[in-house]
Amino acid sequence: SLGPPSLVGSGPLTNGSSNTVTLTGAIQNANTLLVIGVLGAYAPLLGGVLVPDPLIVVPLVTNASGTVAWSFPQPGLPPGFPLRFQHWIEDGTASFGYTASNGLLGICQ
């Protein structure tokens, strides 16, 4: 990868708002899985730690800069509701073939 992959979020996570999670520092043009959950799993997986307990998995591909952004509307979840995100990037140089980003926690407002 181009350094440790980093996942950041933007947006207010209010009812109907537009929000984005952006991965940077990943391998260029790589397949990645954005794992989304409510609860934390914090389970060992492929030499890393799976942060969200998976509810939704979104397949994406990084661009030539090793970046990918995914935008979503907050679907009316109540204030205080947690959303957890993490990317798992295909990486042929990693021990188990994947590199994980940091986990990201967003709290709905």
Protein backbone atom coordinates (compact mmCIF):
# COMPACT_ATOMS: atom_id res chain seq x y z
CA SER A 1 0.00 0.00 0.00
CA LEU A 2 0.97 3.66 -0.05
CA GLY A 3 1.34 3.76 3.72
CA PRO A 4 -1.23 2.74 6.26
CA PRO A 5 -4.69 2.96 4.67
CA SER A 6 -6.71 5.68 6.38
CA LEU A 7 -10.50 5.93 6.60
CA VAL A 8 -12.16 9.27 7.45
CA GLY A 9 -15.77 10.39 7.46
CA SER A 10 -17.56 13.62 6.69
CA GLY A 11 -21.14 14.77 7.09
CA PRO A 12 -23.47 15.44 10.00
CA LEU A 13 -25.20 12.01 10.16
CA THR A 14 -28.53 13.77 10.63
CA ASN A 15 -31.81 12.48 9.18
CA GLY A 16 -31.59 12.61 5.36
CA SER A 17 -28.13 14.22 5.32
CA SER A 18 -25.45 13.33 2.79
CA ASN A 19 -22.37 11.69 4.34
CA THR A 20 -19.15 10.25 2.93
CA VAL A 21 -16.48 7.82 4.09
CA THR A 22 -13.17 8.19 2.23
CA LEU A 23 -10.30 5.71 2.10
CA THR A 24 -6.81 7.02 1.26
CA GLY A 25 -3.37 5.43 1.24
CA ALA A 26 -4.54 2.10 -0.20
CA ILE A 27 -3.11 0.19 -3.14
CA GLN A 28 -3.93 1.70 -6.51
CA ASN A 29 -6.80 0.17 -8.50
CA ALA A 30 -7.43 -2.45 -5.80
CA ASN A 31 -10.62 -4.24 -4.91
CA THR A 32 -11.83 -3.33 -1.46
CA LEU A 33 -14.74 -4.23 0.79
CA LEU A 34 -16.32 -1.50 2.87
CA VAL A 35 -17.70 -3.27 5.95
CA ILE A 36 -20.51 -1.47 7.77
CA GLY A 37 -22.08 -2.44 11.07
CA VAL A 38 -23.75 -1.16 14.18
CA LEU A 39 -21.99 -3.25 16.80
CA GLY A 40 -18.25 -3.64 17.18
CA ALA A 41 -16.81 -7.10 16.51
CA TYR A 42 -13.12 -6.38 17.22
CA ALA A 43 -12.38 -9.90 15.96
CA PRO A 44 -9.09 -11.21 14.55
CA LEU A 45 -9.31 -11.64 10.78
CA LEU A 46 -6.66 -12.25 8.11
CA GLY A 47 -3.85 -10.91 10.27
CA GLY A 48 -5.80 -7.78 11.27
CA VAL A 49 -8.78 -6.83 13.40
CA LEU A 50 -12.32 -6.67 12.01
CA VAL A 51 -13.83 -3.65 13.77
CA PRO A 52 -17.54 -3.65 12.72
CA ASP A 53 -19.81 -6.62 13.21
CA PRO A 54 -20.79 -6.80 9.50
CA LEU A 55 -24.34 -5.91 8.51
CA ILE A 56 -23.56 -4.53 5.05
CA VAL A 57 -20.54 -5.13 2.80
CA VAL A 58 -20.04 -2.79 -0.17
CA PRO A 59 -17.55 -3.85 -2.88
CA LEU A 60 -15.57 -0.90 -4.24
CA VAL A 61 -12.37 -0.26 -6.23
CA THR A 62 -9.70 2.30 -5.40
CA ASN A 63 -8.58 4.76 -8.07
CA ALA A 64 -5.07 5.35 -9.46
CA SER A 65 -4.25 7.33 -6.30
CA GLY A 66 -5.31 4.54 -3.93
CA THR A 67 -8.43 6.44 -2.87
CA VAL A 68 -12.13 5.63 -2.90
CA ALA A 69 -15.08 7.57 -1.47
CA TRP A 70 -18.54 6.20 -0.74
CA SER A 71 -21.46 8.57 -0.12
CA PHE A 72 -24.71 7.66 1.58
CA PRO A 73 -27.78 9.38 3.02
CA GLN A 74 -28.50 8.97 6.72
CA PRO A 75 -31.73 6.95 6.45
CA GLY A 76 -33.52 8.39 9.49
CA LEU A 77 -31.70 6.51 12.23
CA PRO A 78 -32.32 7.92 15.72
CA PRO A 79 -29.84 10.23 17.46
CA GLY A 80 -27.15 8.30 19.30
CA PHE A 81 -27.33 5.35 16.87
CA PRO A 82 -23.77 4.13 16.09
CA LEU A 83 -22.44 3.28 12.64
CA ARG A 84 -19.07 1.55 12.26
CA PHE A 85 -17.04 1.42 9.03
CA GLN A 86 -13.84 -0.29 7.89
CA HIS A 87 -12.22 -1.12 4.54
CA TRP A 88 -10.53 -4.43 3.73
CA ILE A 89 -8.27 -3.98 0.69
CA GLU A 90 -6.96 -6.82 -1.50
CA ASP A 91 -3.19 -6.75 -1.11
CA GLY A 92 -1.00 -9.43 -2.65
CA THR A 93 1.92 -8.36 -0.45
CA ALA A 94 0.03 -8.82 2.83
CA SER A 95 0.40 -12.07 4.78
CA PHE A 96 -3.20 -13.15 4.21
CA GLY A 97 -3.91 -11.17 1.02
CA TYR A 98 -5.76 -8.25 2.65
CA THR A 99 -4.85 -5.04 4.43
CA ALA A 100 -7.36 -3.36 6.76
CA SER A 101 -7.96 0.34 7.29
CA ASN A 102 -8.62 1.82 10.67
CA GLY A 103 -12.12 1.44 12.04
CA LEU A 104 -14.37 4.48 12.02
CA LEU A 105 -17.26 5.20 14.38
CA GLY A 106 -19.99 7.68 13.52
CA ILE A 107 -22.83 8.60 15.87
CA CYS A 108 -26.13 9.68 14.31
CA GLN A 109 -27.37 13.10 15.37
